[in-house]
Amino acid sequence: MVILSIVPIVLSLLVLGAHFLRFGQMPAVFGTLVLIGLLFVRRPWAARIVQVALVFATVEWLRTLMQLTLERMHAGQPYMRMAAIIGIVAAVTLLSALLFQTRRLGSTYGLRPKGQPTR
């Protein structure tokens, strides 16, 4: 089902929105909601916008990981569990971006012709 393929993408965007909300970045929160709305537009350009946004979100998670790890290290606080959690979130976000390359979502969003085999 297409819905099951979209669930990780929506969850990745919701977690990103919560991250931005925590830091009071309301325009970015609104942007993540717009990206979730774009998932209802079954066009290649909409899928590519969401896919690129998820790649940038992965970069944001890695930047946050580095920043928070350094802050905690300098403060003498534990950081390994936090680093593991944010690392997993970054990996899931990147894998969510790659879901658009699957046969199911590729054909749903018109990213590949319906009869084209995968390599």
Protein backbone atom coordinates (compact mmCIF):
# COMPACT_ATOMS: atom_id res chain seq x y z
CA MET A 1 0.00 0.00 0.00
CA VAL A 2 1.16 3.49 -0.80
CA ILE A 3 0.03 4.78 2.60
CA LEU A 4 2.43 2.45 4.40
CA SER A 5 5.26 3.76 2.23
CA ILE A 6 4.38 7.35 3.09
CA VAL A 7 4.16 6.84 6.88
CA PRO A 8 7.95 7.07 7.50
CA ILE A 9 8.08 10.21 5.36
CA VAL A 10 5.29 11.87 7.35
CA LEU A 11 6.86 10.83 10.67
CA SER A 12 10.24 12.20 9.57
CA LEU A 13 8.62 15.52 8.68
CA LEU A 14 6.65 15.65 11.93
CA VAL A 15 9.78 15.05 14.01
CA LEU A 16 11.55 17.74 12.00
CA GLY A 17 8.65 20.11 12.65
CA ALA A 18 8.86 19.35 16.38
CA HIS A 19 12.59 20.08 16.26
CA PHE A 20 11.93 23.47 14.70
CA LEU A 21 9.07 24.15 17.12
CA ARG A 22 11.38 23.50 20.08
CA PHE A 23 13.65 26.28 18.85
CA GLY A 24 10.75 28.62 18.03
CA GLN A 25 11.30 28.58 14.27
CA MET A 26 7.67 28.94 13.25
CA PRO A 27 8.26 29.53 9.51
CA ALA A 28 10.18 26.23 9.38
CA VAL A 29 7.35 24.49 11.26
CA PHE A 30 4.90 25.85 8.70
CA GLY A 31 7.24 24.65 5.93
CA THR A 32 7.21 21.09 7.24
CA LEU A 33 3.42 21.16 7.30
CA VAL A 34 3.41 22.36 3.69
CA LEU A 35 5.73 19.48 2.79
CA ILE A 36 3.30 17.01 4.36
CA GLY A 37 0.54 18.61 2.28
CA LEU A 38 2.66 18.16 -0.86
CA LEU A 39 2.49 14.41 -0.35
CA PHE A 40 -1.13 14.64 -1.52
CA VAL A 41 -0.01 16.14 -4.85
CA ARG A 42 0.78 13.13 -7.01
CA ARG A 43 3.19 14.89 -9.33
CA PRO A 44 6.92 14.33 -9.88
CA TRP A 45 7.83 17.89 -8.86
CA ALA A 46 6.03 17.54 -5.52
CA ALA A 47 7.83 14.28 -4.75
CA ARG A 48 11.20 15.79 -5.65
CA ILE A 49 10.59 18.82 -3.44
CA VAL A 50 9.79 16.57 -0.48
CA GLN A 51 12.73 14.32 -1.28
CA VAL A 52 15.19 17.22 -1.44
CA ALA A 53 13.72 18.65 1.77
CA LEU A 54 14.31 15.31 3.51
CA VAL A 55 17.93 15.31 2.38
CA PHE A 56 18.34 18.84 3.78
CA ALA A 57 16.58 17.64 6.95
CA THR A 58 19.19 14.91 7.26
CA VAL A 59 21.90 17.56 7.05
CA GLU A 60 20.08 19.58 9.74
CA TRP A 61 19.96 16.52 12.01
CA LEU A 62 23.68 15.90 11.52
CA ARG A 63 24.43 19.57 12.24
CA THR A 64 22.32 19.39 15.39
CA LEU A 65 24.04 16.16 16.38
CA MET A 66 27.47 17.76 16.13
CA GLN A 67 26.41 20.93 17.92
CA LEU A 68 24.68 19.22 20.84
CA THR A 69 27.42 16.62 21.22
CA LEU A 70 30.10 19.31 21.45
CA GLU A 71 28.04 21.34 23.91
CA ARG A 72 27.48 18.32 26.15
CA MET A 73 31.10 17.23 25.93
CA HIS A 74 32.34 20.68 26.96
CA ALA A 75 29.83 20.77 29.82
CA GLY A 76 30.90 17.32 31.02
CA GLN A 77 27.42 15.90 30.48
CA PRO A 78 26.64 12.46 29.04
CA TYR A 79 26.13 12.58 25.29
CA MET A 80 26.24 9.05 23.87
CA ARG A 81 22.52 8.28 24.20
CA MET A 82 21.58 11.66 22.72
CA ALA A 83 24.03 11.11 19.86
CA ALA A 84 22.61 7.65 19.17
CA ILE A 85 19.03 8.93 19.12
CA ILE A 86 19.73 11.87 16.81
CA GLY A 87 21.89 9.64 14.60
CA ILE A 88 19.01 7.20 14.21
CA VAL A 89 16.62 10.07 13.44
CA ALA A 90 19.04 11.31 10.76
CA ALA A 91 19.30 7.82 9.25
CA VAL A 92 15.51 7.34 9.20
CA THR A 93 15.11 10.76 7.58
CA LEU A 94 17.59 9.87 4.86
CA LEU A 95 15.93 6.50 4.28
CA SER A 96 12.59 8.31 4.03
CA ALA A 97 14.03 10.40 1.20
CA LEU A 98 15.13 7.23 -0.55
CA LEU A 99 11.60 5.78 -0.40
CA PHE A 100 10.71 7.91 -3.42
CA GLN A 101 13.13 5.73 -5.41
CA THR A 102 11.06 2.60 -4.76
CA ARG A 103 8.85 1.17 -7.46
CA ARG A 104 5.66 1.86 -5.51
CA LEU A 105 6.21 5.55 -4.77
CA GLY A 106 8.05 6.12 -8.04
CA SER A 107 5.05 5.04 -10.05
CA THR A 108 2.58 6.76 -7.69
CA TYR A 109 4.25 10.13 -8.15
CA GLY A 110 5.08 9.63 -11.83
CA LEU A 111 8.82 9.48 -11.24
CA ARG A 112 9.09 6.44 -13.48
CA PRO A 113 6.86 4.96 -16.16
CA LYS A 114 4.59 2.28 -14.75
CA GLY A 115 6.12 -0.53 -16.81
CA GLN A 116 9.77 0.44 -16.25
CA PRO A 117 11.71 -2.27 -14.41
CA THR A 118 13.92 -1.44 -11.45
CA ARG A 119 17.65 -2.03 -11.56
